[in-house]
Amino acid sequence: MSEPNPSDEKRPDDAEVASMKDQALRTILSPQARLRLTNVRMVKPELASMVENYLIGMASQGKLNTQITDEQLKQILQSIQQPKRDFKINRL
């Protein structure tokens, strides 16, 4: 008989991970902030994932002592987003 491989431990599937992530975000974000993050996810899923991972990381480190409001989420989104480049065309 083969011995159980430690790498074969029970790992949560994608649905369980998504459920745990959703539960964590419910406690971290206010309802308005969750709605904004959902809207951002529709347009820019990568940005929403980055913000979610950032918020969950901050909460797991104990750096969040209150719920994130919509205004605070706006500031986080602006700080994470890449600045837009303006192009100026000079015609001769």
C-alpha atoms as a PDB file:
ATOM      1  CA  MET A   1       0.000   0.000   0.000  1.00  0.00           C
ATOM      2  CA  SER A   2       1.135   3.558  -0.588  1.00  0.00           C
ATOM      3  CA  GLU A   3       1.489   6.067   2.193  1.00  0.00           C
ATOM      4  CA  PRO A   4      -0.570   9.246   2.052  1.00  0.00           C
ATOM      5  CA  ASN A   5       1.330  12.035   0.405  1.00  0.00           C
ATOM      6  CA  PRO A   6       1.412  15.268   2.480  1.00  0.00           C
ATOM      7  CA  SER A   7       0.821  17.273  -0.692  1.00  0.00           C
ATOM      8  CA  ASP A   8      -2.505  15.441  -1.105  1.00  0.00           C
ATOM      9  CA  GLU A   9      -4.011  17.161   1.944  1.00  0.00           C
ATOM     10  CA  LYS A  10      -7.547  18.398   1.556  1.00  0.00           C
ATOM     11  CA  ARG A  11      -7.385  21.686  -0.292  1.00  0.00           C
ATOM     12  CA  PRO A  12     -10.361  23.986  -0.576  1.00  0.00           C
ATOM     13  CA  ASP A  13     -11.834  24.107  -4.042  1.00  0.00           C
ATOM     14  CA  ASP A  14     -12.491  27.333  -5.944  1.00  0.00           C
ATOM     15  CA  ALA A  15     -16.057  27.663  -4.664  1.00  0.00           C
ATOM     16  CA  GLU A  16     -14.928  27.378  -1.035  1.00  0.00           C
ATOM     17  CA  VAL A  17     -12.151  29.914  -1.557  1.00  0.00           C
ATOM     18  CA  ALA A  18     -14.565  32.332  -3.233  1.00  0.00           C
ATOM     19  CA  SER A  19     -17.035  31.870  -0.391  1.00  0.00           C
ATOM     20  CA  MET A  20     -14.380  32.532   2.254  1.00  0.00           C
ATOM     21  CA  LYS A  21     -13.134  35.590   0.347  1.00  0.00           C
ATOM     22  CA  ASP A  22     -16.690  36.924   0.008  1.00  0.00           C
ATOM     23  CA  GLN A  23     -17.311  36.443   3.729  1.00  0.00           C
ATOM     24  CA  ALA A  24     -14.096  38.274   4.606  1.00  0.00           C
ATOM     25  CA  LEU A  25     -14.996  41.183   2.331  1.00  0.00           C
ATOM     26  CA  ARG A  26     -18.466  41.406   3.906  1.00  0.00           C
ATOM     27  CA  THR A  27     -16.848  42.092   7.269  1.00  0.00           C
ATOM     28  CA  ILE A  28     -14.172  44.430   5.871  1.00  0.00           C
ATOM     29  CA  LEU A  29     -16.321  46.612   3.572  1.00  0.00           C
ATOM     30  CA  SER A  30     -19.427  48.672   4.172  1.00  0.00           C
ATOM     31  CA  PRO A  31     -22.414  47.825   1.920  1.00  0.00           C
ATOM     32  CA  GLN A  32     -21.776  50.873  -0.298  1.00  0.00           C
ATOM     33  CA  ALA A  33     -18.097  49.970  -0.668  1.00  0.00           C
ATOM     34  CA  ARG A  34     -18.999  46.368  -1.578  1.00  0.00           C
ATOM     35  CA  LEU A  35     -21.367  47.672  -4.256  1.00  0.00           C
ATOM     36  CA  ARG A  36     -18.630  49.908  -5.669  1.00  0.00           C
ATOM     37  CA  LEU A  37     -16.148  47.031  -5.715  1.00  0.00           C
ATOM     38  CA  THR A  38     -18.722  44.860  -7.514  1.00  0.00           C
ATOM     39  CA  ASN A  39     -19.162  47.595 -10.143  1.00  0.00           C
ATOM     40  CA  VAL A  40     -15.388  47.900 -10.549  1.00  0.00           C
ATOM     41  CA  ARG A  41     -15.176  44.120 -10.992  1.00  0.00           C
ATOM     42  CA  MET A  42     -17.511  44.334 -13.997  1.00  0.00           C
ATOM     43  CA  VAL A  43     -15.255  46.843 -15.734  1.00  0.00           C
ATOM     44  CA  LYS A  44     -11.779  45.983 -14.429  1.00  0.00           C
ATOM     45  CA  PRO A  45     -11.662  42.519 -12.842  1.00  0.00           C
ATOM     46  CA  GLU A  46      -7.867  42.661 -12.352  1.00  0.00           C
ATOM     47  CA  LEU A  47      -8.097  45.909 -10.382  1.00  0.00           C
ATOM     48  CA  ALA A  48     -10.905  44.518  -8.221  1.00  0.00           C
ATOM     49  CA  SER A  49      -8.857  41.402  -7.453  1.00  0.00           C
ATOM     50  CA  MET A  50      -5.843  43.509  -6.517  1.00  0.00           C
ATOM     51  CA  VAL A  51      -7.937  45.622  -4.152  1.00  0.00           C
ATOM     52  CA  GLU A  52      -9.573  42.545  -2.602  1.00  0.00           C
ATOM     53  CA  ASN A  53      -6.214  40.892  -1.983  1.00  0.00           C
ATOM     54  CA  TYR A  54      -4.844  44.129  -0.528  1.00  0.00           C
ATOM     55  CA  LEU A  55      -7.804  44.535   1.840  1.00  0.00           C
ATOM     56  CA  ILE A  56      -7.763  40.894   2.962  1.00  0.00           C
ATOM     57  CA  GLY A  57      -4.025  41.129   3.560  1.00  0.00           C
ATOM     58  CA  MET A  58      -4.419  44.290   5.625  1.00  0.00           C
ATOM     59  CA  ALA A  59      -7.213  42.717   7.654  1.00  0.00           C
ATOM     60  CA  SER A  60      -5.219  39.539   8.278  1.00  0.00           C
ATOM     61  CA  GLN A  61      -2.338  41.658   9.584  1.00  0.00           C
ATOM     62  CA  GLY A  62      -4.713  43.461  11.937  1.00  0.00           C
ATOM     63  CA  LYS A  63      -4.214  46.856  10.293  1.00  0.00           C
ATOM     64  CA  LEU A  64      -7.928  47.463   9.689  1.00  0.00           C
ATOM     65  CA  ASN A  65      -9.794  48.358  12.852  1.00  0.00           C
ATOM     66  CA  THR A  66     -13.001  49.638  11.226  1.00  0.00           C
ATOM     67  CA  GLN A  67     -15.022  48.873   8.123  1.00  0.00           C
ATOM     68  CA  ILE A  68     -13.820  50.493   4.908  1.00  0.00           C
ATOM     69  CA  THR A  69     -16.298  53.128   3.733  1.00  0.00           C
ATOM     70  CA  ASP A  70     -17.087  54.017   0.147  1.00  0.00           C
ATOM     71  CA  GLU A  71     -14.899  57.138   0.337  1.00  0.00           C
ATOM     72  CA  GLN A  72     -11.964  55.162   1.701  1.00  0.00           C
ATOM     73  CA  LEU A  73     -12.409  52.570  -1.050  1.00  0.00           C
ATOM     74  CA  LYS A  74     -12.368  55.349  -3.660  1.00  0.00           C
ATOM     75  CA  GLN A  75      -9.029  56.546  -2.288  1.00  0.00           C
ATOM     76  CA  ILE A  76      -7.618  52.998  -2.340  1.00  0.00           C
ATOM     77  CA  LEU A  77      -8.778  52.512  -5.930  1.00  0.00           C
ATOM     78  CA  GLN A  78      -7.190  55.787  -7.014  1.00  0.00           C
ATOM     79  CA  SER A  79      -3.901  54.939  -5.324  1.00  0.00           C
ATOM     80  CA  ILE A  80      -3.728  51.465  -6.907  1.00  0.00           C
ATOM     81  CA  GLN A  81      -4.750  52.487 -10.422  1.00  0.00           C
ATOM     82  CA  GLN A  82      -2.047  53.299 -12.908  1.00  0.00           C
ATOM     83  CA  PRO A  83      -2.002  57.008 -13.754  1.00  0.00           C
ATOM     84  CA  LYS A  84      -3.444  57.796 -17.140  1.00  0.00           C
ATOM     85  CA  ARG A  85      -1.047  59.194 -19.668  1.00  0.00           C
ATOM     86  CA  ASP A  86      -2.029  62.311 -21.535  1.00  0.00           C
ATOM     87  CA  PHE A  87      -0.854  62.665 -25.076  1.00  0.00           C
ATOM     88  CA  LYS A  88      -0.532  66.082 -26.598  1.00  0.00           C
ATOM     89  CA  ILE A  89      -0.327  66.369 -30.347  1.00  0.00           C
ATOM     90  CA  ASN A  90       1.184  69.531 -31.775  1.00  0.00           C
ATOM     91  CA  ARG A  91       0.223  70.213 -35.362  1.00  0.00           C
ATOM     92  CA  LEU A  92       2.556  72.125 -37.553  1.00  0.00           C
END
